[in-house]
Structures are given as C-alpha cells and as structure tokens.
C-alpha cells in the first residue's frame, strides 16, 4: 500500500512508521536515527529540528501510546540523503511523488515529473527488472537499458528539487549501466557454462580469460551487477580455439 501524507498544521508530513516500511528498517531503529539527527542539529544555529522532524504519538494494537515522528519534505530529504542503493532510490521516488501530488492538488501547480515515477509503478518496475534477470540472462541488454532510463528519470527529479549531489549520483549510476551494455542483444555464457562446453573448470575459464585478453574486450565480455563475468559468443570461440591448452593447463600437464 502506498504511504499517505498527513496534514499537520497546514503542511504535508509523512509518518516515520510509513518511512520505515518503505526503506525496510525497523521503526525503533529509524526513531533512534532521527533522535540522533535532532541532537546533531541542536549544535547548529542554522538548522531547526522542527523544520524537519515533528514529535507525535500513536496508539498501537494494544491501545498503548507510542512515539513517532512526522517528517516534512525537508525531513524526508534529510533521511534520503543518508540512504544508498535501491532503498534510497525507491524512497526518494516515493516522497518526491507524494509531495508533488500534494502540491498539485492543494496549490494547483503542475507536477513537472514523469507520471511513470509514481511509487507503485517504480517499485514494480524495479522488482520486475530483478526477477527478469533471474529468469532470463539473455534479456540483460534490454533490462540494463531500462535501468539507464530509470536513473536518468530520477536524476531529473533530483534536479527539480535542487539536489545536485543526488542528481549526480543517479547519473553516475546511469553511466555505469551504459558502460556495461553489450552491442545488441546476444547470447551470454557464464564461466561455468563455457567450462562445461570445453571440459574445464570455471576457475580455468576465468584464468584464461585474463591470459587471452577476453576480459579487456567489451565485445567479448562484461561484468554484471553481482560481479560475475558474462561472455559473448565471440569469447566462446576464443576459448574453443585454445581449448587444448586450457584443458592441459587445467589438468596440470
């Protein structure tokens, strides 16, 4: 379920419990982090904690009163800047979309971001990409292209909210994804698959990929997000042309 904004004294806020769900953190741990942020802000004359975090309470399932925080847009930005990787990406897109929608509804402003960045669509898109990678490595070209587009879209969102550092991080992710793109959608092989084809161990394939310069040629190989090497048909041919030497070496002959 998509988080909901709460109107507190005329300004939109997001409940810390909702944020904890989005970023996959226990609420008590997020509360601990927020208290630390507030303590750090107390030493600065320029930062007022209430502009970021507002103390609040709620009743739990037992009817007992518990503490929580309401985060303003600045508070959400503060938390987002502390996050990295996929969780940070999804949370950023979530709160940006929520606050934009609120402003459009209450102030009549035009939302200047791609509608495809709604939280549910973004989250579904990321999960779909991950699942598709598991099911079919031959679609890696298409999936990485979509990663590039996604990070560029998020870079535009960061620009809209004048977050240059965040925008740079997103664009760097896009560049990293682009640099791994093979030329065209081609069959890919793992070291284990090639080893099975020519009858040697995956370790031997990795060793000879270095010897034969396969890993230095982007038309023959690339490294995926998990750090594993993937090889194209051109690389397989190189391994097959040198199969006897590789086999002898693998056997210690």
Protein backbone atom coordinates (compact mmCIF):
# COMPACT_ATOMS: atom_id res chain seq x y z
CA UNK A 1 0.00 0.00 0.00
CA UNK A 2 1.30 3.45 -0.91
CA UNK A 3 2.16 5.72 2.06
CA UNK A 4 -0.19 8.61 2.79
CA UNK A 5 0.73 12.18 3.68
CA UNK A 6 -0.64 13.63 6.93
CA UNK A 7 -1.61 17.30 7.10
CA UNK A 8 -0.07 18.81 10.23
CA UNK A 9 -0.92 22.47 10.85
CA UNK A 10 -1.31 23.09 7.14
CA UNK A 11 1.84 21.36 5.94
CA UNK A 12 2.15 17.85 4.49
CA UNK A 13 4.15 15.32 6.51
CA UNK A 14 4.98 11.64 6.31
CA UNK A 15 4.72 9.34 9.34
CA UNK A 16 8.01 7.75 10.42
CA UNK A 17 6.22 4.36 10.54
CA UNK A 18 5.42 4.65 6.83
CA UNK A 19 9.00 5.62 6.04
CA UNK A 20 10.36 2.65 7.99
CA UNK A 21 8.25 0.30 5.83
CA UNK A 22 9.47 1.84 2.57
CA UNK A 23 13.17 1.69 3.47
CA UNK A 24 12.94 -1.73 5.10
CA UNK A 25 14.07 -0.65 8.55
CA UNK A 26 12.58 -1.35 11.97
CA UNK A 27 10.64 1.67 13.22
CA UNK A 28 12.52 1.78 16.51
CA UNK A 29 15.82 1.90 14.61
CA UNK A 30 14.58 4.77 12.44
CA UNK A 31 13.40 6.58 15.59
CA UNK A 32 16.88 6.15 17.08
CA UNK A 33 18.43 7.63 13.91
CA UNK A 34 16.04 10.60 13.91
CA UNK A 35 16.80 11.37 17.56
CA UNK A 36 20.48 11.37 16.67
CA UNK A 37 19.84 13.76 13.77
CA UNK A 38 17.91 16.09 16.07
CA UNK A 39 20.73 16.01 18.63
CA UNK A 40 23.24 16.90 15.91
CA UNK A 41 21.05 19.74 14.66
CA UNK A 42 20.98 21.25 18.16
CA UNK A 43 24.63 22.23 17.73
CA UNK A 44 23.86 24.28 14.60
CA UNK A 45 22.43 27.79 14.66
CA UNK A 46 21.16 27.42 11.09
CA UNK A 47 19.15 24.21 11.49
CA UNK A 48 15.84 23.99 13.36
CA UNK A 49 14.81 20.40 14.05
CA UNK A 50 11.09 21.25 13.86
CA UNK A 51 11.53 22.15 10.20
CA UNK A 52 12.47 18.52 9.61
CA UNK A 53 11.04 16.30 12.36
CA UNK A 54 7.87 16.81 14.42
CA UNK A 55 7.24 14.73 17.55
CA UNK A 56 3.98 12.81 17.52
CA UNK A 57 2.29 9.74 19.02
CA UNK A 58 0.01 6.89 18.01
CA UNK A 59 -1.83 4.01 19.63
CA UNK A 60 -0.55 0.52 19.00
CA UNK A 61 -2.63 -2.64 18.67
CA UNK A 62 -2.80 -2.92 22.47
CA UNK A 63 -4.13 0.61 22.82
CA UNK A 64 -0.85 1.84 24.29
CA UNK A 65 0.59 5.23 23.32
CA UNK A 66 3.81 5.08 21.31
CA UNK A 67 6.10 7.76 19.95
CA UNK A 68 6.68 8.52 16.29
CA UNK A 69 7.78 11.45 14.15
CA UNK A 70 6.11 13.35 11.35
CA UNK A 71 8.65 14.25 8.66
CA UNK A 72 8.31 17.32 6.48
CA UNK A 73 9.62 17.31 2.92
CA UNK A 74 12.93 18.59 4.29
CA UNK A 75 12.93 15.75 6.80
CA UNK A 76 12.36 13.20 4.05
CA UNK A 77 15.20 14.71 2.02
CA UNK A 78 17.43 14.52 5.09
CA UNK A 79 16.68 10.81 5.59
CA UNK A 80 17.01 10.08 1.85
CA UNK A 81 20.49 11.61 1.82
CA UNK A 82 21.55 9.08 4.46
CA UNK A 83 20.43 6.12 2.32
CA UNK A 84 22.26 4.38 -0.51
CA UNK A 85 21.44 1.89 -3.23
CA UNK A 86 18.00 0.58 -4.13
CA UNK A 87 16.34 1.58 -0.84
CA UNK A 88 17.45 5.17 -1.27
CA UNK A 89 16.25 5.22 -4.87
CA UNK A 90 12.78 3.90 -4.05
CA UNK A 91 12.33 6.16 -1.01
CA UNK A 92 13.42 9.23 -2.99
CA UNK A 93 10.94 8.49 -5.77
CA UNK A 94 8.24 7.79 -3.17
CA UNK A 95 8.42 11.01 -1.21
CA UNK A 96 9.03 13.18 -4.30
CA UNK A 97 5.94 11.75 -5.96
CA UNK A 98 3.81 12.11 -2.80
CA UNK A 99 4.77 15.74 -2.13
CA UNK A 100 4.40 16.69 -5.80
CA UNK A 101 0.91 15.22 -5.89
CA UNK A 102 0.01 17.07 -2.70
CA UNK A 103 1.25 20.38 -4.06
CA UNK A 104 -0.57 19.85 -7.35
CA UNK A 105 -3.82 19.07 -5.53
CA UNK A 106 -3.67 21.84 -2.92
CA UNK A 107 -1.88 24.60 -4.81
CA UNK A 108 -2.97 23.97 -8.37
CA UNK A 109 0.62 23.55 -9.51
CA UNK A 110 1.64 21.41 -12.43
CA UNK A 111 3.67 18.38 -11.46
CA UNK A 112 6.84 18.65 -13.51
CA UNK A 113 7.94 15.00 -13.42
CA UNK A 114 7.24 11.94 -15.46
CA UNK A 115 4.00 10.24 -14.32
CA UNK A 116 5.81 6.91 -14.55
CA UNK A 117 7.65 7.76 -11.34
CA UNK A 118 4.67 7.05 -9.11
CA UNK A 119 5.79 4.91 -6.21
CA UNK A 120 3.88 1.77 -7.10
CA UNK A 121 4.99 1.86 -10.72
CA UNK A 122 8.59 2.49 -9.78
CA UNK A 123 8.67 -0.24 -7.13
CA UNK A 124 7.00 -2.70 -9.51
CA UNK A 125 9.43 -1.78 -12.27
CA UNK A 126 12.47 -2.40 -10.07
CA UNK A 127 11.13 -5.73 -8.78
CA UNK A 128 10.26 -6.79 -12.33
CA UNK A 129 13.78 -5.99 -13.53
CA UNK A 130 15.32 -8.06 -10.74
CA UNK A 131 13.05 -11.02 -11.37
CA UNK A 132 13.61 -10.95 -15.12
CA UNK A 133 17.38 -11.03 -14.60
CA UNK A 134 16.97 -14.23 -12.61
CA UNK A 135 14.71 -15.84 -15.21
CA UNK A 136 16.48 -14.96 -18.42
CA UNK A 137 20.04 -13.64 -18.63
CA UNK A 138 19.62 -13.22 -22.40
CA UNK A 139 17.44 -10.17 -21.73
CA UNK A 140 20.27 -8.38 -19.94
CA UNK A 141 20.68 -5.85 -22.76
CA UNK A 142 17.05 -4.71 -22.61
CA UNK A 143 16.97 -4.64 -18.81
CA UNK A 144 20.12 -2.56 -18.45
CA UNK A 145 18.72 -0.10 -21.00
CA UNK A 146 15.69 0.31 -18.75
CA UNK A 147 17.98 0.81 -15.75
CA UNK A 148 19.67 3.65 -17.63
CA UNK A 149 16.32 5.32 -18.37
CA UNK A 150 15.19 4.90 -14.76
CA UNK A 151 18.30 6.51 -13.28
CA UNK A 152 18.12 9.39 -15.77
CA UNK A 153 14.48 9.99 -14.79
CA UNK A 154 15.45 10.06 -11.13
CA UNK A 155 18.23 12.50 -11.97
CA UNK A 156 15.62 14.86 -13.41
CA UNK A 157 13.56 14.57 -10.22
CA UNK A 158 16.60 15.46 -8.15
CA UNK A 159 17.20 18.49 -10.43
CA UNK A 160 13.60 19.63 -9.87
CA UNK A 161 14.24 19.65 -6.14
CA UNK A 162 17.65 21.26 -6.44
CA UNK A 163 19.55 18.24 -5.12
CA UNK A 164 22.68 18.37 -7.32
CA UNK A 165 24.60 15.72 -5.36
CA UNK A 166 21.73 13.27 -5.59
CA UNK A 167 21.26 14.06 -9.30
CA UNK A 168 24.95 13.36 -9.91
CA UNK A 169 24.73 10.03 -8.06
CA UNK A 170 21.78 8.93 -10.20
CA UNK A 171 23.51 9.96 -13.43
CA UNK A 172 26.68 8.14 -12.39
CA UNK A 173 24.56 5.01 -11.92
CA UNK A 174 23.21 5.53 -15.45
CA UNK A 175 26.75 5.89 -16.82
CA UNK A 176 27.84 2.69 -15.06
CA UNK A 177 24.88 0.83 -16.53
CA UNK A 178 25.55 2.24 -20.01
CA UNK A 179 29.22 1.23 -19.89
CA UNK A 180 28.17 -2.40 -19.36
CA UNK A 181 25.80 -2.54 -22.33
CA UNK A 182 26.79 -5.11 -24.96
CA UNK A 183 26.35 -4.19 -28.61
CA UNK A 184 22.98 -5.76 -29.35
CA UNK A 185 21.13 -8.48 -27.50
CA UNK A 186 23.37 -11.53 -27.77
CA UNK A 187 23.68 -14.93 -26.18
CA UNK A 188 25.64 -14.78 -22.96
CA UNK A 189 27.56 -17.53 -21.15
CA UNK A 190 28.79 -17.89 -17.59
CA UNK A 191 32.25 -19.27 -16.81
CA UNK A 192 30.56 -22.50 -15.68
CA UNK A 193 28.69 -22.88 -18.98
CA UNK A 194 31.82 -22.34 -21.08
CA UNK A 195 33.77 -24.66 -18.80
CA UNK A 196 31.17 -27.39 -19.40
CA UNK A 197 31.38 -26.85 -23.17
CA UNK A 198 35.14 -27.35 -23.41
CA UNK A 199 35.53 -29.62 -20.40
CA UNK A 200 37.38 -27.49 -17.86
CA UNK A 201 36.64 -25.80 -14.53
CA UNK A 202 35.11 -22.29 -14.21
CA UNK A 203 38.34 -21.23 -12.48
CA UNK A 204 40.30 -22.18 -15.60
CA UNK A 205 37.95 -20.07 -17.72
CA UNK A 206 38.50 -17.04 -15.50
CA UNK A 207 42.26 -17.56 -15.56
CA UNK A 208 42.45 -17.92 -19.33
CA UNK A 209 40.04 -15.06 -19.92
CA UNK A 210 42.74 -12.87 -18.43
CA UNK A 211 45.53 -14.58 -20.38
CA UNK A 212 43.72 -14.28 -23.70
CA UNK A 213 42.59 -10.69 -23.14
CA UNK A 214 38.90 -11.64 -23.21
CA UNK A 215 38.09 -9.56 -20.13
CA UNK A 216 39.66 -6.47 -21.66
CA UNK A 217 37.46 -6.62 -24.76
CA UNK A 218 33.95 -5.21 -24.23
CA UNK A 219 32.76 -7.02 -27.37
CA UNK A 220 33.59 -10.35 -25.75
CA UNK A 221 32.67 -9.91 -22.07
CA UNK A 222 31.36 -7.67 -19.30
CA UNK A 223 30.90 -7.82 -15.54
CA UNK A 224 27.32 -7.90 -14.21
CA UNK A 225 25.95 -6.16 -11.11
CA UNK A 226 26.79 -9.15 -8.92
CA UNK A 227 30.42 -9.01 -10.04
CA UNK A 228 30.27 -12.16 -12.19
CA UNK A 229 31.79 -12.19 -15.69
CA UNK A 230 29.47 -12.84 -18.63
CA UNK A 231 30.89 -13.93 -22.00
CA UNK A 232 29.55 -13.46 -25.54
CA UNK A 233 29.79 -15.95 -28.47
CA UNK A 234 32.96 -14.22 -29.67
CA UNK A 235 34.61 -15.12 -26.35
CA UNK A 236 33.38 -18.69 -26.56
CA UNK A 237 35.10 -19.03 -29.93
CA UNK A 238 38.39 -17.79 -28.44
CA UNK A 239 38.13 -20.34 -25.64
CA UNK A 240 37.31 -23.12 -28.12
CA UNK A 241 40.27 -22.16 -30.34
CA UNK A 242 42.54 -22.55 -27.31
CA UNK A 243 40.70 -25.48 -25.75
CA UNK A 244 43.64 -27.93 -25.81
CA UNK A 245 45.97 -25.55 -23.98
CA UNK A 246 43.28 -24.67 -21.44
CA UNK A 247 42.50 -28.34 -20.85
CA UNK A 248 46.16 -29.27 -20.39
CA UNK A 249 46.67 -26.35 -18.01
CA UNK A 250 43.57 -27.29 -16.02
CA UNK A 251 44.90 -30.83 -15.65
CA UNK A 252 48.34 -29.56 -14.65
CA UNK A 253 50.03 -31.02 -17.73
